[in-house]
Structure formats: structure tokens, C-alpha cells
Amino acid sequence: MTDPHHSPDTELVEHKGYQVRLSRSGLDWLAFVALPKQRPTLIMAPDRAAALAKAYEWIDLQLASDKNRE
């Protein structure tokens, strides 16, 4: 079954349990980053590689923050 909100131009990448949906919007790339079944965080960048790098950095910061709370 396909996701009705999933554009065929969207790429799904998983990183450390998070889902990153990459898509192009005009001149920018968008990365929607979230754990499954959670509201995503939106990251914008001028190219795909930058969007993915920013998403990975955001995920790593979230995991470090969670670890510091323990």
C-alpha cells in the first residue's frame, strides 16, 4: 500500500532509527526528519547533500541531548 502523502519524487532514508524524507521544492531541498509516528522537523538546504548532512547533524544532536538527560 502506498502513502497518499508520499510524492514519487520523495526519497526515504533511515539514520539511527529516524526517517528522513528528502524532496525537492523549487530551488531548495527539504528534509522531513522524525522518528516513526512522530511529527517531523523540517530542514531546508540548497542541495540534496546539504539537506542530508543537516538532517544527520540534527539527529545526532537529538540523540546526544537524550543521552545527557539520562
PDB file of N, CA and C in Angstrom:
ATOM      1  N   MET A   1       0.843  -1.178   0.000  1.00  0.00           N
ATOM      2  CA  MET A   1       0.000   0.000   0.000  1.00  0.00           C
ATOM      3  C   MET A   1       0.884   1.235   0.000  1.00  0.00           C
ATOM      4  N   THR A   2       0.534   2.218  -0.789  1.00  0.00           N
ATOM      5  CA  THR A   2       1.350   3.419  -0.867  1.00  0.00           C
ATOM      6  C   THR A   2       0.804   4.510   0.038  1.00  0.00           C
ATOM      7  N   ASP A   3       1.674   5.374   0.458  1.00  0.00           N
ATOM      8  CA  ASP A   3       1.316   6.506   1.296  1.00  0.00           C
ATOM      9  C   ASP A   3       0.751   7.604   0.402  1.00  0.00           C
ATOM     10  N   PRO A   4      -0.491   8.071   0.619  1.00  0.00           N
ATOM     11  CA  PRO A   4      -1.061   9.096  -0.258  1.00  0.00           C
ATOM     12  C   PRO A   4      -0.342  10.435  -0.159  1.00  0.00           C
ATOM     13  N   HIS A   5       0.422  10.662   0.917  1.00  0.00           N
ATOM     14  CA  HIS A   5       1.166  11.907   1.085  1.00  0.00           C
ATOM     15  C   HIS A   5       2.595  11.775   0.582  1.00  0.00           C
ATOM     16  N   HIS A   6       2.940  10.613   0.096  1.00  0.00           N
ATOM     17  CA  HIS A   6       4.298  10.332  -0.358  1.00  0.00           C
ATOM     18  C   HIS A   6       4.404  10.637  -1.852  1.00  0.00           C
ATOM     19  N   SER A   7       5.163  11.641  -2.190  1.00  0.00           N
ATOM     20  CA  SER A   7       5.372  12.022  -3.584  1.00  0.00           C
ATOM     21  C   SER A   7       6.347  11.053  -4.239  1.00  0.00           C
ATOM     22  N   PRO A   8       6.152  10.753  -5.527  1.00  0.00           N
ATOM     23  CA  PRO A   8       7.110   9.859  -6.196  1.00  0.00           C
ATOM     24  C   PRO A   8       8.512  10.458  -6.254  1.00  0.00           C
ATOM     25  N   ASP A   9       8.625  11.774  -6.072  1.00  0.00           N
ATOM     26  CA  ASP A   9       9.927  12.442  -6.093  1.00  0.00           C
ATOM     27  C   ASP A   9      10.609  12.417  -4.733  1.00  0.00           C
ATOM     28  N   THR A  10       9.969  11.819  -3.741  1.00  0.00           N
ATOM     29  CA  THR A  10      10.484  11.793  -2.384  1.00  0.00           C
ATOM     30  C   THR A  10      11.332  10.547  -2.162  1.00  0.00           C
ATOM     31  N   GLU A  11      12.461  10.760  -1.506  1.00  0.00           N
ATOM     32  CA  GLU A  11      13.372   9.661  -1.180  1.00  0.00           C
ATOM     33  C   GLU A  11      13.366   9.465   0.331  1.00  0.00           C
ATOM     34  N   LEU A  12      13.260   8.236   0.775  1.00  0.00           N
ATOM     35  CA  LEU A  12      13.257   7.923   2.204  1.00  0.00           C
ATOM     36  C   LEU A  12      14.604   7.323   2.587  1.00  0.00           C
ATOM     37  N   VAL A  13      15.215   7.909   3.617  1.00  0.00           N
ATOM     38  CA  VAL A  13      16.498   7.437   4.141  1.00  0.00           C
ATOM     39  C   VAL A  13      16.310   7.230   5.635  1.00  0.00           C
ATOM     40  N   GLU A  14      16.891   6.182   6.181  1.00  0.00           N
ATOM     41  CA  GLU A  14      16.834   5.957   7.623  1.00  0.00           C
ATOM     42  C   GLU A  14      18.220   6.154   8.209  1.00  0.00           C
ATOM     43  N   HIS A  15      18.256   6.783   9.399  1.00  0.00           N
ATOM     44  CA  HIS A  15      19.522   7.057  10.070  1.00  0.00           C
ATOM     45  C   HIS A  15      19.295   6.961  11.573  1.00  0.00           C
ATOM     46  N   LYS A  16      19.899   5.984  12.210  1.00  0.00           N
ATOM     47  CA  LYS A  16      19.842   5.802  13.662  1.00  0.00           C
ATOM     48  C   LYS A  16      18.406   5.777  14.194  1.00  0.00           C
ATOM     49  N   GLY A  17      17.519   5.109  13.458  1.00  0.00           N
ATOM     50  CA  GLY A  17      16.136   4.971  13.891  1.00  0.00           C
ATOM     51  C   GLY A  17      15.213   6.073  13.408  1.00  0.00           C
ATOM     52  N   TYR A  18      15.755   7.145  12.897  1.00  0.00           N
ATOM     53  CA  TYR A  18      14.958   8.258  12.376  1.00  0.00           C
ATOM     54  C   TYR A  18      14.707   8.054  10.888  1.00  0.00           C
ATOM     55  N   GLN A  19      13.591   8.581  10.414  1.00  0.00           N
ATOM     56  CA  GLN A  19      13.287   8.586   8.990  1.00  0.00           C
ATOM     57  C   GLN A  19      13.545   9.985   8.444  1.00  0.00           C
ATOM     58  N   VAL A  20      14.196  10.051   7.305  1.00  0.00           N
ATOM     59  CA  VAL A  20      14.463  11.317   6.633  1.00  0.00           C
ATOM     60  C   VAL A  20      13.829  11.224   5.254  1.00  0.00           C
ATOM     61  N   ARG A  21      12.836  12.061   5.008  1.00  0.00           N
ATOM     62  CA  ARG A  21      12.211  12.120   3.681  1.00  0.00           C
ATOM     63  C   ARG A  21      12.766  13.334   2.969  1.00  0.00           C
ATOM     64  N   LEU A  22      13.435  13.086   1.861  1.00  0.00           N
ATOM     65  CA  LEU A  22      14.043  14.148   1.067  1.00  0.00           C
ATOM     66  C   LEU A  22      13.194  14.413  -0.161  1.00  0.00           C
ATOM     67  N   SER A  23      12.968  15.684  -0.440  1.00  0.00           N
ATOM     68  CA  SER A  23      12.254  16.038  -1.663  1.00  0.00           C
ATOM     69  C   SER A  23      12.704  17.421  -2.112  1.00  0.00           C
ATOM     70  N   ARG A  24      12.523  17.668  -3.382  1.00  0.00           N
ATOM     71  CA  ARG A  24      12.907  18.948  -3.958  1.00  0.00           C
ATOM     72  C   ARG A  24      11.686  19.846  -4.028  1.00  0.00           C
ATOM     73  N   SER A  25      11.874  21.102  -3.663  1.00  0.00           N
ATOM     74  CA  SER A  25      10.794  22.083  -3.723  1.00  0.00           C
ATOM     75  C   SER A  25      11.357  23.355  -4.336  1.00  0.00           C
ATOM     76  N   GLY A  26      11.042  23.575  -5.594  1.00  0.00           N
ATOM     77  CA  GLY A  26      11.601  24.743  -6.266  1.00  0.00           C
ATOM     78  C   GLY A  26      13.108  24.627  -6.364  1.00  0.00           C
ATOM     79  N   LEU A  27      13.792  25.621  -5.828  1.00  0.00           N
ATOM     80  CA  LEU A  27      15.252  25.622  -5.873  1.00  0.00           C
ATOM     81  C   LEU A  27      15.891  24.961  -4.651  1.00  0.00           C
ATOM     82  N   ASP A  28      15.086  24.653  -3.632  1.00  0.00           N
ATOM     83  CA  ASP A  28      15.608  24.088  -2.388  1.00  0.00           C
ATOM     84  C   ASP A  28      15.278  22.611  -2.249  1.00  0.00           C
ATOM     85  N   TRP A  29      16.009  21.967  -1.345  1.00  0.00           N
ATOM     86  CA  TRP A  29      15.721  20.592  -0.942  1.00  0.00           C
ATOM     87  C   TRP A  29      15.145  20.636   0.455  1.00  0.00           C
ATOM     88  N   LEU A  30      14.159  19.796   0.700  1.00  0.00           N
ATOM     89  CA  LEU A  30      13.523  19.698   2.006  1.00  0.00           C
ATOM     90  C   LEU A  30      13.815  18.333   2.599  1.00  0.00           C
ATOM     91  N   ALA A  31      14.100  18.322   3.892  1.00  0.00           N
ATOM     92  CA  ALA A  31      14.274  17.071   4.621  1.00  0.00           C
ATOM     93  C   ALA A  31      13.293  17.101   5.789  1.00  0.00           C
ATOM     94  N   PHE A  32      12.403  16.132   5.818  1.00  0.00           N
ATOM     95  CA  PHE A  32      11.464  15.968   6.924  1.00  0.00           C
ATOM     96  C   PHE A  32      12.019  14.850   7.790  1.00  0.00           C
ATOM     97  N   VAL A  33      12.386  15.187   9.028  1.00  0.00           N
ATOM     98  CA  VAL A  33      13.097  14.250   9.903  1.00  0.00           C
ATOM     99  C   VAL A  33      12.235  13.919  11.121  1.00  0.00           C
ATOM    100  N   ALA A  34      12.041  12.623  11.375  1.00  0.00           N
ATOM    101  CA  ALA A  34      11.250  12.227  12.543  1.00  0.00           C
ATOM    102  C   ALA A  34      11.463  10.760  12.867  1.00  0.00           C
ATOM    103  N   LEU A  35      11.178  10.428  14.113  1.00  0.00           N
ATOM    104  CA  LEU A  35      11.044   9.031  14.481  1.00  0.00           C
ATOM    105  C   LEU A  35       9.708   8.564  13.912  1.00  0.00           C
ATOM    106  N   PRO A  36       9.548   7.289  13.644  1.00  0.00           N
ATOM    107  CA  PRO A  36       8.265   6.809  13.127  1.00  0.00           C
ATOM    108  C   PRO A  36       7.099   7.244  14.021  1.00  0.00           C
ATOM    109  N   LYS A  37       6.030   7.666  13.396  1.00  0.00           N
ATOM    110  CA  LYS A  37       4.782   8.076  14.062  1.00  0.00           C
ATOM    111  C   LYS A  37       4.930   9.334  14.901  1.00  0.00           C
ATOM    112  N   GLN A  38       5.933  10.163  14.617  1.00  0.00           N
ATOM    113  CA  GLN A  38       6.074  11.449  15.295  1.00  0.00           C
ATOM    114  C   GLN A  38       6.025  12.576  14.270  1.00  0.00           C
ATOM    115  N   ARG A  39       5.696  13.760  14.751  1.00  0.00           N
ATOM    116  CA  ARG A  39       5.654  14.935  13.878  1.00  0.00           C
ATOM    117  C   ARG A  39       7.075  15.264  13.416  1.00  0.00           C
ATOM    118  N   PRO A  40       7.261  15.510  12.122  1.00  0.00           N
ATOM    119  CA  PRO A  40       8.612  15.747  11.611  1.00  0.00           C
ATOM    120  C   PRO A  40       9.113  17.170  11.832  1.00  0.00           C
ATOM    121  N   THR A  41      10.411  17.292  11.817  1.00  0.00           N
ATOM    122  CA  THR A  41      11.109  18.577  11.797  1.00  0.00           C
ATOM    123  C   THR A  41      11.484  18.838  10.350  1.00  0.00           C
ATOM    124  N   LEU A  42      11.301  20.074   9.897  1.00  0.00           N
ATOM    125  CA  LEU A  42      11.616  20.442   8.520  1.00  0.00           C
ATOM    126  C   LEU A  42      12.983  21.100   8.462  1.00  0.00           C
ATOM    127  N   ILE A  43      13.814  20.626   7.547  1.00  0.00           N
ATOM    128  CA  ILE A  43      15.137  21.196   7.305  1.00  0.00           C
ATOM    129  C   ILE A  43      15.209  21.563   5.830  1.00  0.00           C
ATOM    130  N   MET A  44      15.678  22.782   5.534  1.00  0.00           N
ATOM    131  CA  MET A  44      15.817  23.226   4.141  1.00  0.00           C
ATOM    132  C   MET A  44      17.294  23.453   3.836  1.00  0.00           C
ATOM    133  N   ALA A  45      17.662  23.158   2.587  1.00  0.00           N
ATOM    134  CA  ALA A  45      19.045  23.354   2.154  1.00  0.00           C
ATOM    135  C   ALA A  45      19.064  23.568   0.636  1.00  0.00           C
ATOM    136  N   PRO A  46      20.151  24.137   0.115  1.00  0.00           N
ATOM    137  CA  PRO A  46      20.218  24.424  -1.313  1.00  0.00           C
ATOM    138  C   PRO A  46      20.436  23.198  -2.200  1.00  0.00           C
ATOM    139  N   ASP A  47      20.919  22.094  -1.614  1.00  0.00           N
ATOM    140  CA  ASP A  47      21.117  20.883  -2.416  1.00  0.00           C
ATOM    141  C   ASP A  47      20.872  19.645  -1.558  1.00  0.00           C
ATOM    142  N   ARG A  48      20.754  18.502  -2.219  1.00  0.00           N
ATOM    143  CA  ARG A  48      20.425  17.248  -1.542  1.00  0.00           C
ATOM    144  C   ARG A  48      21.461  16.870  -0.491  1.00  0.00           C
ATOM    145  N   ALA A  49      22.729  16.974  -0.851  1.00  0.00           N
ATOM    146  CA  ALA A  49      23.797  16.579   0.072  1.00  0.00           C
ATOM    147  C   ALA A  49      23.775  17.439   1.336  1.00  0.00           C
ATOM    148  N   ALA A  50      23.546  18.720   1.194  1.00  0.00           N
ATOM    149  CA  ALA A  50      23.491  19.613   2.348  1.00  0.00           C
ATOM    150  C   ALA A  50      22.268  19.300   3.214  1.00  0.00           C
ATOM    151  N   ALA A  51      21.134  19.012   2.591  1.00  0.00           N
ATOM    152  CA  ALA A  51      19.926  18.665   3.338  1.00  0.00           C
ATOM    153  C   ALA A  51      20.149  17.396   4.153  1.00  0.00           C
ATOM    154  N   LEU A  52      20.757  16.413   3.537  1.00  0.00           N
ATOM    155  CA  LEU A  52      21.024  15.155   4.233  1.00  0.00           C
ATOM    156  C   LEU A  52      22.037  15.349   5.361  1.00  0.00           C
ATOM    157  N   ALA A  53      23.079  16.142   5.118  1.00  0.00           N
ATOM    158  CA  ALA A  53      24.079  16.413   6.156  1.00  0.00           C
ATOM    159  C   ALA A  53      23.460  17.139   7.345  1.00  0.00           C
ATOM    160  N   LYS A  54      22.603  18.125   7.066  1.00  0.00           N
ATOM    161  CA  LYS A  54      21.929  18.842   8.145  1.00  0.00           C
ATOM    162  C   LYS A  54      20.989  17.916   8.917  1.00  0.00           C
ATOM    163  N   ALA A  55      20.310  17.038   8.213  1.00  0.00           N
ATOM    164  CA  ALA A  55      19.405  16.087   8.873  1.00  0.00           C
ATOM    165  C   ALA A  55      20.193  15.164   9.799  1.00  0.00           C
ATOM    166  N   TYR A  56      21.312  14.630   9.321  1.00  0.00           N
ATOM    167  CA  TYR A  56      22.144  13.752  10.146  1.00  0.00           C
ATOM    168  C   TYR A  56      22.674  14.499  11.378  1.00  0.00           C
ATOM    169  N   GLU A  57      23.079  15.746  11.181  1.00  0.00           N
ATOM    170  CA  GLU A  57      23.582  16.548  12.295  1.00  0.00           C
ATOM    171  C   GLU A  57      22.468  16.780  13.326  1.00  0.00           C
ATOM    172  N   TRP A  58      21.257  17.082  12.859  1.00  0.00           N
ATOM    173  CA  TRP A  58      20.123  17.300  13.758  1.00  0.00           C
ATOM    174  C   TRP A  58      19.823  16.027  14.553  1.00  0.00           C
ATOM    175  N   ILE A  59      19.830  14.886  13.875  1.00  0.00           N
ATOM    176  CA  ILE A  59      19.577  13.609  14.541  1.00  0.00           C
ATOM    177  C   ILE A  59      20.636  13.350  15.613  1.00  0.00           C
ATOM    178  N   ASP A  60      21.884  13.556  15.276  1.00  0.00           N
ATOM    179  CA  ASP A  60      22.968  13.328  16.241  1.00  0.00           C
ATOM    180  C   ASP A  60      22.823  14.243  17.468  1.00  0.00           C
ATOM    181  N   LEU A  61      22.403  15.488  17.250  1.00  0.00           N
ATOM    182  CA  LEU A  61      22.180  16.412  18.367  1.00  0.00           C
ATOM    183  C   LEU A  61      21.021  15.948  19.247  1.00  0.00           C
ATOM    184  N   GLN A  62      19.963  15.436  18.630  1.00  0.00           N
ATOM    185  CA  GLN A  62      18.828  14.928  19.401  1.00  0.00           C
ATOM    186  C   GLN A  62      19.250  13.737  20.256  1.00  0.00           C
ATOM    187  N   LEU A  63      20.015  12.838  19.665  1.00  0.00           N
ATOM    188  CA  LEU A  63      20.462  11.658  20.400  1.00  0.00           C
ATOM    189  C   LEU A  63      21.413  12.033  21.535  1.00  0.00           C
ATOM    190  N   ALA A  64      22.294  13.009  21.302  1.00  0.00           N
ATOM    191  CA  ALA A  64      23.211  13.465  22.346  1.00  0.00           C
ATOM    192  C   ALA A  64      22.435  14.134  23.479  1.00  0.00           C
ATOM    193  N   SER A  65      21.422  14.903  23.123  1.00  0.00           N
ATOM    194  CA  SER A  65      20.590  15.567  24.128  1.00  0.00           C
ATOM    195  C   SER A  65      19.846  14.541  24.980  1.00  0.00           C
ATOM    196  N   ASP A  66      19.300  13.516  24.327  1.00  0.00           N
ATOM    197  CA  ASP A  66      18.611  12.457  25.058  1.00  0.00           C
ATOM    198  C   ASP A  66      19.564  11.718  25.988  1.00  0.00           C
ATOM    199  N   LYS A  67      20.777  11.485  25.525  1.00  0.00           N
ATOM    200  CA  LYS A  67      21.760  10.769  26.332  1.00  0.00           C
ATOM    201  C   LYS A  67      22.173  11.582  27.559  1.00  0.00           C
ATOM    202  N   ASN A  68      22.270  12.908  27.409  1.00  0.00           N
ATOM    203  CA  ASN A  68      22.653  13.786  28.534  1.00  0.00           C
ATOM    204  C   ASN A  68      21.567  13.849  29.592  1.00  0.00           C
ATOM    205  N   ARG A  69      20.322  13.598  29.214  1.00  0.00           N
ATOM    206  CA  ARG A  69      19.216  13.638  30.172  1.00  0.00           C
ATOM    207  C   ARG A  69      19.216  12.414  31.077  1.00  0.00           C
ATOM    208  N   GLU A  70      19.818  11.345  30.621  1.00  0.00           N
ATOM    209  CA  GLU A  70      19.820  10.083  31.402  1.00  0.00           C
ATOM    210  C   GLU A  70      20.730  10.141  32.581  1.00  0.00           C
TER     211      GLU A  70
END
